[in-house]
Amino acid sequence: MKVWTRDNTLDLFRRQLYALQSTVVAARSRYVYEVQIKGKLYTAVIEGYTREYWEHRVDLHPLAEQVDLVICYRHDSIVSKRVLELSSPSGREYDAFTPPSWFDFEQRGGRAWAQVFTGALLAGHGEAYQILEQIREESPAAYYRYLRRKAQLAAHKQGHPVAV
């Protein structure tokens, strides 16, 4: 069950504009905005959690090349864009390819770890592929499970694309 939606994140971002030293310059679509944060201009996509960047396949969208910031409530994956996490009152910024503060590649296990790890594979994070080779030697079934999940999230689906 999702606890936080894109609309909740957008509402929270609008309420925290002053605390984040931010302004909304323009809306490019429902969830893509031109924002200015601490004097720097970004094209940002709004997500509830950073893992939704991969679930919504934003990286495959025509606007993906222009997006350089993901604004989310909780940072729980690795993405190839800068991240602004809103769960703390003053916001927390992460650079591109930076895992959440609690994540450690060496301590495997659990659903949360797997979500971050899959995001790292999709983002092309080098250390993730080294760990994947270790997993291949230790547990071939887990290795193929991660590859299958990566392929599912990386592929186009038929039907109407998710609104970005």
N, C-alpha and C. Protein backbone atom coordinates (compact mmCIF):
# COMPACT_ATOMS: atom_id res chain seq x y z
N MET A 1 0.83 -1.18 0.00
CA MET A 1 0.00 0.00 0.00
C MET A 1 0.88 1.25 0.00
N LYS A 2 0.63 2.14 -0.93
CA LYS A 2 1.39 3.38 -0.98
C LYS A 2 0.85 4.35 0.06
N VAL A 3 1.76 4.93 0.78
CA VAL A 3 1.38 5.86 1.82
C VAL A 3 1.42 7.28 1.31
N TRP A 4 2.29 7.56 0.35
CA TRP A 4 2.49 8.91 -0.12
C TRP A 4 2.40 8.94 -1.64
N THR A 5 1.58 9.84 -2.18
CA THR A 5 1.37 9.92 -3.62
C THR A 5 2.10 11.12 -4.20
N ARG A 6 2.11 11.20 -5.52
CA ARG A 6 2.73 12.34 -6.19
C ARG A 6 2.00 13.63 -5.83
N ASP A 7 0.68 13.57 -5.73
CA ASP A 7 -0.09 14.77 -5.37
C ASP A 7 0.23 15.23 -3.96
N ASN A 8 0.39 14.30 -3.02
CA ASN A 8 0.80 14.66 -1.66
C ASN A 8 2.16 15.35 -1.67
N THR A 9 3.09 14.82 -2.46
CA THR A 9 4.43 15.40 -2.54
C THR A 9 4.38 16.80 -3.13
N LEU A 10 3.59 16.97 -4.17
CA LEU A 10 3.46 18.28 -4.80
C LEU A 10 2.88 19.29 -3.81
N ASP A 11 1.85 18.88 -3.07
CA ASP A 11 1.25 19.75 -2.06
C ASP A 11 2.26 20.11 -0.98
N LEU A 12 3.01 19.14 -0.51
CA LEU A 12 4.03 19.39 0.52
C LEU A 12 5.12 20.32 -0.01
N PHE A 13 5.54 20.12 -1.24
CA PHE A 13 6.56 20.99 -1.83
C PHE A 13 6.06 22.43 -1.89
N ARG A 14 4.83 22.63 -2.30
CA ARG A 14 4.27 23.99 -2.36
C ARG A 14 4.21 24.63 -0.97
N ARG A 15 3.91 23.83 0.06
CA ARG A 15 3.86 24.37 1.42
C ARG A 15 5.25 24.66 1.99
N GLN A 16 6.29 23.97 1.49
CA GLN A 16 7.64 24.15 2.01
C GLN A 16 8.51 25.06 1.14
N LEU A 17 7.93 25.75 0.19
CA LEU A 17 8.72 26.57 -0.72
C LEU A 17 9.64 27.54 0.02
N TYR A 18 9.11 28.23 1.01
CA TYR A 18 9.91 29.22 1.73
C TYR A 18 11.05 28.55 2.50
N ALA A 19 10.76 27.47 3.20
CA ALA A 19 11.79 26.77 3.99
C ALA A 19 12.88 26.19 3.09
N LEU A 20 12.51 25.79 1.88
CA LEU A 20 13.48 25.22 0.94
C LEU A 20 14.18 26.28 0.09
N GLN A 21 13.85 27.56 0.32
CA GLN A 21 14.39 28.66 -0.47
C GLN A 21 14.13 28.41 -1.96
N SER A 22 12.87 28.10 -2.28
CA SER A 22 12.50 27.68 -3.63
C SER A 22 11.36 28.52 -4.18
N THR A 23 11.26 28.49 -5.51
CA THR A 23 10.11 29.07 -6.19
C THR A 23 9.75 28.16 -7.37
N VAL A 24 8.48 28.13 -7.70
CA VAL A 24 8.03 27.40 -8.89
C VAL A 24 8.01 28.42 -10.02
N VAL A 25 8.82 28.19 -11.05
CA VAL A 25 8.94 29.11 -12.17
C VAL A 25 7.82 28.85 -13.18
N ALA A 26 7.62 27.57 -13.55
CA ALA A 26 6.59 27.23 -14.52
C ALA A 26 6.23 25.75 -14.40
N ALA A 27 5.00 25.44 -14.78
CA ALA A 27 4.55 24.04 -14.83
C ALA A 27 4.65 23.58 -16.28
N ARG A 28 5.39 22.49 -16.53
CA ARG A 28 5.54 21.97 -17.89
C ARG A 28 4.52 20.89 -18.18
N SER A 29 4.10 20.17 -17.16
CA SER A 29 3.02 19.20 -17.24
C SER A 29 2.51 19.01 -15.82
N ARG A 30 1.67 18.01 -15.62
CA ARG A 30 1.07 17.83 -14.30
C ARG A 30 2.11 17.59 -13.21
N TYR A 31 3.16 16.84 -13.51
CA TYR A 31 4.17 16.51 -12.51
C TYR A 31 5.58 16.94 -12.89
N VAL A 32 5.74 17.77 -13.90
CA VAL A 32 7.05 18.29 -14.27
C VAL A 32 7.00 19.81 -14.15
N TYR A 33 7.94 20.36 -13.36
CA TYR A 33 7.96 21.78 -13.08
C TYR A 33 9.36 22.35 -13.27
N GLU A 34 9.39 23.61 -13.67
CA GLU A 34 10.62 24.39 -13.64
C GLU A 34 10.65 25.01 -12.24
N VAL A 35 11.68 24.70 -11.47
CA VAL A 35 11.78 25.22 -10.11
C VAL A 35 13.15 25.87 -9.91
N GLN A 36 13.17 26.83 -9.03
CA GLN A 36 14.42 27.45 -8.65
C GLN A 36 14.64 27.13 -7.17
N ILE A 37 15.75 26.45 -6.87
CA ILE A 37 16.07 26.06 -5.51
C ILE A 37 17.43 26.64 -5.15
N LYS A 38 17.43 27.49 -4.14
CA LYS A 38 18.66 28.15 -3.68
C LYS A 38 19.39 28.82 -4.84
N GLY A 39 18.62 29.48 -5.71
CA GLY A 39 19.19 30.24 -6.80
C GLY A 39 19.53 29.46 -8.05
N LYS A 40 19.36 28.14 -8.05
CA LYS A 40 19.68 27.33 -9.22
C LYS A 40 18.40 26.82 -9.87
N LEU A 41 18.33 26.88 -11.19
CA LEU A 41 17.14 26.49 -11.93
C LEU A 41 17.20 25.01 -12.30
N TYR A 42 16.11 24.28 -12.04
CA TYR A 42 16.01 22.85 -12.34
C TYR A 42 14.71 22.58 -13.07
N THR A 43 14.71 21.50 -13.86
CA THR A 43 13.48 20.91 -14.37
C THR A 43 13.25 19.68 -13.51
N ALA A 44 12.18 19.68 -12.73
CA ALA A 44 11.97 18.64 -11.72
C ALA A 44 10.73 17.81 -12.01
N VAL A 45 10.84 16.53 -11.71
CA VAL A 45 9.68 15.64 -11.77
C VAL A 45 9.29 15.33 -10.32
N ILE A 46 8.00 15.28 -10.06
CA ILE A 46 7.47 15.03 -8.72
C ILE A 46 7.11 13.56 -8.59
N GLU A 47 7.61 12.91 -7.56
CA GLU A 47 7.29 11.51 -7.25
C GLU A 47 7.03 11.38 -5.76
N GLY A 48 6.25 10.37 -5.38
CA GLY A 48 6.04 10.09 -3.97
C GLY A 48 7.30 9.53 -3.34
N TYR A 49 7.90 8.57 -4.02
CA TYR A 49 9.14 7.92 -3.60
C TYR A 49 10.05 7.85 -4.82
N THR A 50 11.36 7.81 -4.62
CA THR A 50 12.25 7.77 -5.78
C THR A 50 12.11 6.47 -6.56
N ARG A 51 11.67 5.39 -5.93
CA ARG A 51 11.49 4.14 -6.68
C ARG A 51 10.43 4.28 -7.76
N GLU A 52 9.49 5.22 -7.58
CA GLU A 52 8.46 5.45 -8.58
C GLU A 52 9.01 6.06 -9.85
N TYR A 53 10.19 6.66 -9.78
CA TYR A 53 10.86 7.14 -10.99
C TYR A 53 11.03 5.98 -11.97
N TRP A 54 11.38 4.81 -11.44
CA TRP A 54 11.55 3.63 -12.29
C TRP A 54 10.21 2.96 -12.60
N GLU A 55 9.29 2.93 -11.63
CA GLU A 55 7.99 2.31 -11.86
C GLU A 55 7.20 3.07 -12.93
N HIS A 56 7.30 4.40 -12.92
CA HIS A 56 6.60 5.21 -13.91
C HIS A 56 7.41 5.33 -15.21
N ARG A 57 8.59 4.77 -15.22
CA ARG A 57 9.49 4.77 -16.37
C ARG A 57 9.72 6.18 -16.92
N VAL A 58 9.98 7.10 -16.00
CA VAL A 58 10.24 8.48 -16.38
C VAL A 58 11.47 8.56 -17.28
N ASP A 59 12.43 7.66 -17.05
CA ASP A 59 13.66 7.66 -17.86
C ASP A 59 13.39 7.38 -19.34
N LEU A 60 12.24 6.79 -19.67
CA LEU A 60 11.89 6.48 -21.06
C LEU A 60 11.00 7.56 -21.69
N HIS A 61 10.58 8.53 -20.90
CA HIS A 61 9.68 9.58 -21.38
C HIS A 61 10.46 10.60 -22.20
N PRO A 62 9.83 11.21 -23.21
CA PRO A 62 10.53 12.23 -24.02
C PRO A 62 11.09 13.40 -23.19
N LEU A 63 10.47 13.73 -22.06
CA LEU A 63 10.96 14.82 -21.21
C LEU A 63 12.15 14.40 -20.33
N ALA A 64 12.49 13.13 -20.32
CA ALA A 64 13.50 12.62 -19.39
C ALA A 64 14.85 13.31 -19.55
N GLU A 65 15.23 13.63 -20.76
CA GLU A 65 16.53 14.27 -20.98
C GLU A 65 16.57 15.65 -20.35
N GLN A 66 15.42 16.31 -20.24
CA GLN A 66 15.38 17.66 -19.69
C GLN A 66 15.27 17.65 -18.16
N VAL A 67 14.79 16.57 -17.59
CA VAL A 67 14.63 16.48 -16.14
C VAL A 67 15.99 16.30 -15.49
N ASP A 68 16.28 17.16 -14.50
CA ASP A 68 17.55 17.03 -13.80
C ASP A 68 17.40 16.99 -12.29
N LEU A 69 16.15 16.88 -11.80
CA LEU A 69 15.90 16.79 -10.37
C LEU A 69 14.64 15.96 -10.13
N VAL A 70 14.69 15.11 -9.11
CA VAL A 70 13.51 14.35 -8.68
C VAL A 70 13.14 14.88 -7.29
N ILE A 71 11.93 15.41 -7.17
CA ILE A 71 11.44 15.86 -5.88
C ILE A 71 10.53 14.78 -5.35
N CYS A 72 10.86 14.26 -4.16
CA CYS A 72 10.09 13.15 -3.60
C CYS A 72 9.91 13.33 -2.10
N TYR A 73 8.96 12.58 -1.56
CA TYR A 73 8.77 12.60 -0.11
C TYR A 73 9.87 11.79 0.56
N ARG A 74 10.16 10.60 0.03
CA ARG A 74 11.17 9.71 0.63
C ARG A 74 12.10 9.18 -0.45
N HIS A 75 13.39 9.31 -0.22
CA HIS A 75 14.41 8.81 -1.15
C HIS A 75 14.67 7.35 -0.80
N ASP A 76 14.23 6.42 -1.67
CA ASP A 76 14.36 4.99 -1.37
C ASP A 76 14.84 4.18 -2.56
N SER A 77 15.57 4.82 -3.47
CA SER A 77 16.15 4.13 -4.62
C SER A 77 17.32 4.97 -5.11
N ILE A 78 18.00 4.47 -6.12
CA ILE A 78 19.09 5.23 -6.73
C ILE A 78 18.62 5.64 -8.12
N VAL A 79 18.73 6.92 -8.41
CA VAL A 79 18.35 7.43 -9.73
C VAL A 79 19.52 8.24 -10.29
N SER A 80 19.50 8.44 -11.59
CA SER A 80 20.59 9.14 -12.26
C SER A 80 20.38 10.65 -12.28
N LYS A 81 19.55 11.15 -11.40
CA LYS A 81 19.27 12.58 -11.28
C LYS A 81 19.49 13.01 -9.83
N ARG A 82 19.64 14.32 -9.63
CA ARG A 82 19.69 14.84 -8.26
C ARG A 82 18.34 14.60 -7.61
N VAL A 83 18.32 14.48 -6.28
CA VAL A 83 17.09 14.19 -5.55
C VAL A 83 16.91 15.21 -4.43
N LEU A 84 15.68 15.70 -4.28
CA LEU A 84 15.31 16.53 -3.14
C LEU A 84 14.26 15.77 -2.36
N GLU A 85 14.63 15.35 -1.15
CA GLU A 85 13.73 14.58 -0.29
C GLU A 85 13.04 15.55 0.67
N LEU A 86 11.71 15.48 0.74
CA LEU A 86 10.94 16.43 1.52
C LEU A 86 10.53 15.93 2.91
N SER A 87 10.91 14.72 3.28
CA SER A 87 10.44 14.18 4.56
C SER A 87 11.01 14.93 5.76
N SER A 88 12.14 15.60 5.60
CA SER A 88 12.65 16.44 6.69
C SER A 88 12.19 17.87 6.43
N PRO A 89 11.97 18.67 7.47
CA PRO A 89 11.39 20.00 7.30
C PRO A 89 12.17 20.93 6.37
N SER A 90 13.49 20.83 6.36
CA SER A 90 14.28 21.71 5.50
C SER A 90 14.71 21.02 4.21
N GLY A 91 14.25 19.79 3.99
CA GLY A 91 14.60 19.05 2.79
C GLY A 91 16.02 18.51 2.87
N ARG A 92 16.27 17.44 2.15
CA ARG A 92 17.61 16.85 2.09
C ARG A 92 17.91 16.62 0.61
N GLU A 93 19.07 17.10 0.19
CA GLU A 93 19.47 16.95 -1.21
C GLU A 93 20.48 15.83 -1.36
N TYR A 94 20.31 15.07 -2.43
CA TYR A 94 21.23 13.98 -2.77
C TYR A 94 21.74 14.23 -4.19
N ASP A 95 22.99 13.92 -4.43
CA ASP A 95 23.53 14.01 -5.78
C ASP A 95 23.04 12.83 -6.60
N ALA A 96 23.25 12.89 -7.91
CA ALA A 96 22.89 11.78 -8.79
C ALA A 96 23.65 10.53 -8.38
N PHE A 97 23.01 9.39 -8.49
CA PHE A 97 23.57 8.07 -8.18
C PHE A 97 23.88 7.88 -6.69
N THR A 98 23.35 8.72 -5.83
CA THR A 98 23.60 8.59 -4.39
C THR A 98 22.50 7.75 -3.76
N PRO A 99 22.87 6.69 -3.04
CA PRO A 99 21.86 5.87 -2.37
C PRO A 99 21.31 6.58 -1.13
N PRO A 100 20.18 6.11 -0.60
CA PRO A 100 19.67 6.67 0.65
C PRO A 100 20.71 6.51 1.76
N SER A 101 20.62 7.35 2.76
CA SER A 101 21.64 7.36 3.82
C SER A 101 21.72 6.04 4.58
N TRP A 102 20.64 5.28 4.66
CA TRP A 102 20.63 4.03 5.42
C TRP A 102 21.13 2.83 4.61
N PHE A 103 21.30 3.00 3.31
CA PHE A 103 21.60 1.87 2.43
C PHE A 103 23.08 1.51 2.44
N ASP A 104 23.37 0.20 2.45
CA ASP A 104 24.73 -0.32 2.36
C ASP A 104 24.72 -1.49 1.39
N PHE A 105 25.53 -1.42 0.34
CA PHE A 105 25.57 -2.48 -0.66
C PHE A 105 25.95 -3.83 -0.06
N GLU A 106 26.78 -3.82 0.97
CA GLU A 106 27.30 -5.07 1.53
C GLU A 106 26.29 -5.81 2.40
N GLN A 107 25.33 -5.12 2.97
CA GLN A 107 24.35 -5.77 3.86
C GLN A 107 23.09 -6.07 3.09
N ARG A 108 23.11 -7.20 2.40
CA ARG A 108 22.00 -7.57 1.52
C ARG A 108 20.82 -8.13 2.30
N GLY A 109 19.66 -8.01 1.67
CA GLY A 109 18.46 -8.64 2.21
C GLY A 109 17.33 -7.66 2.42
N GLY A 110 16.13 -8.16 2.25
CA GLY A 110 14.94 -7.37 2.50
C GLY A 110 14.42 -6.65 1.27
N ARG A 111 13.16 -6.30 1.34
CA ARG A 111 12.49 -5.64 0.22
C ARG A 111 13.07 -4.25 -0.05
N ALA A 112 13.30 -3.48 1.01
CA ALA A 112 13.83 -2.13 0.83
C ALA A 112 15.20 -2.17 0.17
N TRP A 113 16.06 -3.09 0.60
CA TRP A 113 17.39 -3.23 0.01
C TRP A 113 17.25 -3.58 -1.47
N ALA A 114 16.34 -4.49 -1.79
CA ALA A 114 16.15 -4.93 -3.17
C ALA A 114 15.66 -3.78 -4.06
N GLN A 115 14.80 -2.91 -3.52
CA GLN A 115 14.32 -1.77 -4.31
C GLN A 115 15.45 -0.81 -4.65
N VAL A 116 16.29 -0.53 -3.67
CA VAL A 116 17.42 0.37 -3.91
C VAL A 116 18.40 -0.28 -4.88
N PHE A 117 18.66 -1.57 -4.69
CA PHE A 117 19.60 -2.29 -5.55
C PHE A 117 19.11 -2.34 -6.99
N THR A 118 17.83 -2.60 -7.19
CA THR A 118 17.27 -2.62 -8.55
C THR A 118 17.39 -1.24 -9.20
N GLY A 119 17.12 -0.20 -8.42
CA GLY A 119 17.30 1.16 -8.93
C GLY A 119 18.74 1.43 -9.33
N ALA A 120 19.68 0.91 -8.55
CA ALA A 120 21.10 1.09 -8.87
C ALA A 120 21.44 0.38 -10.18
N LEU A 121 20.88 -0.80 -10.39
CA LEU A 121 21.11 -1.51 -11.65
C LEU A 121 20.54 -0.73 -12.83
N LEU A 122 19.34 -0.20 -12.67
CA LEU A 122 18.70 0.56 -13.76
C LEU A 122 19.46 1.86 -14.05
N ALA A 123 20.03 2.46 -13.00
CA ALA A 123 20.76 3.71 -13.18
C ALA A 123 22.16 3.48 -13.74
N GLY A 124 22.61 2.23 -13.74
CA GLY A 124 23.94 1.92 -14.25
C GLY A 124 25.04 2.17 -13.24
N HIS A 125 24.73 2.03 -11.97
CA HIS A 125 25.70 2.23 -10.88
C HIS A 125 26.72 1.10 -10.90
N GLY A 126 28.00 1.42 -11.04
CA GLY A 126 29.05 0.41 -11.20
C GLY A 126 29.15 -0.57 -10.05
N GLU A 127 29.05 -0.10 -8.82
CA GLU A 127 29.17 -0.99 -7.65
C GLU A 127 28.03 -2.01 -7.62
N ALA A 128 26.87 -1.64 -8.11
CA ALA A 128 25.73 -2.56 -8.13
C ALA A 128 26.03 -3.76 -9.01
N TYR A 129 26.69 -3.54 -10.12
CA TYR A 129 27.00 -4.65 -11.02
C TYR A 129 28.08 -5.56 -10.44
N GLN A 130 28.97 -5.01 -9.64
CA GLN A 130 29.96 -5.85 -8.93
C GLN A 130 29.26 -6.74 -7.91
N ILE A 131 28.31 -6.16 -7.17
CA ILE A 131 27.54 -6.94 -6.19
C ILE A 131 26.70 -7.99 -6.91
N LEU A 132 26.14 -7.64 -8.08
CA LEU A 132 25.34 -8.59 -8.85
C LEU A 132 26.17 -9.80 -9.24
N GLU A 133 27.42 -9.61 -9.58
CA GLU A 133 28.29 -10.75 -9.91
C GLU A 133 28.53 -11.63 -8.68
N GLN A 134 28.66 -11.02 -7.50
CA GLN A 134 28.79 -11.81 -6.27
C GLN A 134 27.52 -12.61 -6.02
N ILE A 135 26.38 -11.98 -6.24
CA ILE A 135 25.10 -12.67 -6.05
C ILE A 135 24.99 -13.83 -7.03
N ARG A 136 25.49 -13.65 -8.23
CA ARG A 136 25.44 -14.72 -9.25
C ARG A 136 26.18 -15.97 -8.76
N GLU A 137 27.31 -15.76 -8.12
CA GLU A 137 28.09 -16.89 -7.61
C GLU A 137 27.43 -17.54 -6.40
N GLU A 138 26.81 -16.73 -5.53
CA GLU A 138 26.22 -17.24 -4.30
C GLU A 138 24.84 -17.84 -4.50
N SER A 139 24.02 -17.18 -5.32
CA SER A 139 22.64 -17.62 -5.49
C SER A 139 22.16 -17.29 -6.90
N PRO A 140 22.30 -18.22 -7.82
CA PRO A 140 21.86 -17.96 -9.20
C PRO A 140 20.38 -17.56 -9.30
N ALA A 141 19.54 -18.13 -8.44
CA ALA A 141 18.11 -17.78 -8.48
C ALA A 141 17.91 -16.30 -8.16
N ALA A 142 18.60 -15.78 -7.16
CA ALA A 142 18.49 -14.36 -6.81
C ALA A 142 19.04 -13.49 -7.95
N TYR A 143 20.12 -13.93 -8.56
CA TYR A 143 20.73 -13.21 -9.68
C TYR A 143 19.71 -13.03 -10.80
N TYR A 144 19.05 -14.11 -11.19
CA TYR A 144 18.06 -14.03 -12.27
C TYR A 144 16.81 -13.27 -11.85
N ARG A 145 16.48 -13.28 -10.58
CA ARG A 145 15.34 -12.51 -10.07
C ARG A 145 15.61 -11.01 -10.23
N TYR A 146 16.83 -10.58 -9.87
CA TYR A 146 17.19 -9.16 -10.03
C TYR A 146 17.22 -8.76 -11.51
N LEU A 147 17.75 -9.62 -12.35
CA LEU A 147 17.78 -9.31 -13.78
C LEU A 147 16.37 -9.22 -14.36
N ARG A 148 15.48 -10.11 -13.92
CA ARG A 148 14.10 -10.10 -14.40
C ARG A 148 13.39 -8.82 -13.96
N ARG A 149 13.59 -8.42 -12.70
CA ARG A 149 12.96 -7.19 -12.19
C ARG A 149 13.49 -5.97 -12.94
N LYS A 150 14.79 -5.95 -13.20
CA LYS A 150 15.39 -4.85 -13.95
C LYS A 150 14.78 -4.79 -15.35
N ALA A 151 14.65 -5.94 -16.00
CA ALA A 151 14.09 -5.98 -17.35
C ALA A 151 12.63 -5.52 -17.36
N GLN A 152 11.86 -5.90 -16.34
CA GLN A 152 10.46 -5.48 -16.26
C GLN A 152 10.35 -3.96 -16.16
N LEU A 153 11.19 -3.35 -15.34
CA LEU A 153 11.11 -1.91 -15.15
C LEU A 153 11.71 -1.13 -16.32
N ALA A 154 12.62 -1.74 -17.05
CA ALA A 154 13.29 -1.05 -18.15
C ALA A 154 12.51 -1.13 -19.46
N ALA A 155 11.54 -2.03 -19.56
CA ALA A 155 10.83 -2.25 -20.82
C ALA A 155 9.62 -1.32 -20.96
N HIS A 156 9.28 -1.03 -22.19
CA HIS A 156 8.05 -0.30 -22.47
C HIS A 156 6.86 -1.22 -22.23
N LYS A 157 5.77 -0.68 -21.74
CA LYS A 157 4.54 -1.43 -21.61
C LYS A 157 3.56 -0.93 -22.65
N GLN A 158 2.68 -1.81 -23.07
CA GLN A 158 1.64 -1.40 -24.00
C GLN A 158 0.63 -0.53 -23.27
N GLY A 159 -0.02 0.32 -24.01
CA GLY A 159 -1.07 1.13 -23.44
C GLY A 159 -0.65 2.58 -23.25
N HIS A 160 -1.50 3.33 -22.62
CA HIS A 160 -1.29 4.76 -22.40
C HIS A 160 -0.17 4.96 -21.38
N PRO A 161 0.82 5.83 -21.66
CA PRO A 161 1.91 6.03 -20.71
C PRO A 161 1.42 6.77 -19.45
N VAL A 162 2.13 6.56 -18.37
CA VAL A 162 1.82 7.25 -17.12
C VAL A 162 2.07 8.73 -17.30
N ALA A 163 1.21 9.58 -16.75
CA ALA A 163 1.37 11.02 -16.87
C ALA A 163 2.63 11.46 -16.16
N VAL A 164 3.40 12.28 -16.84
CA VAL A 164 4.62 12.82 -16.24
C VAL A 164 4.51 14.30 -16.12
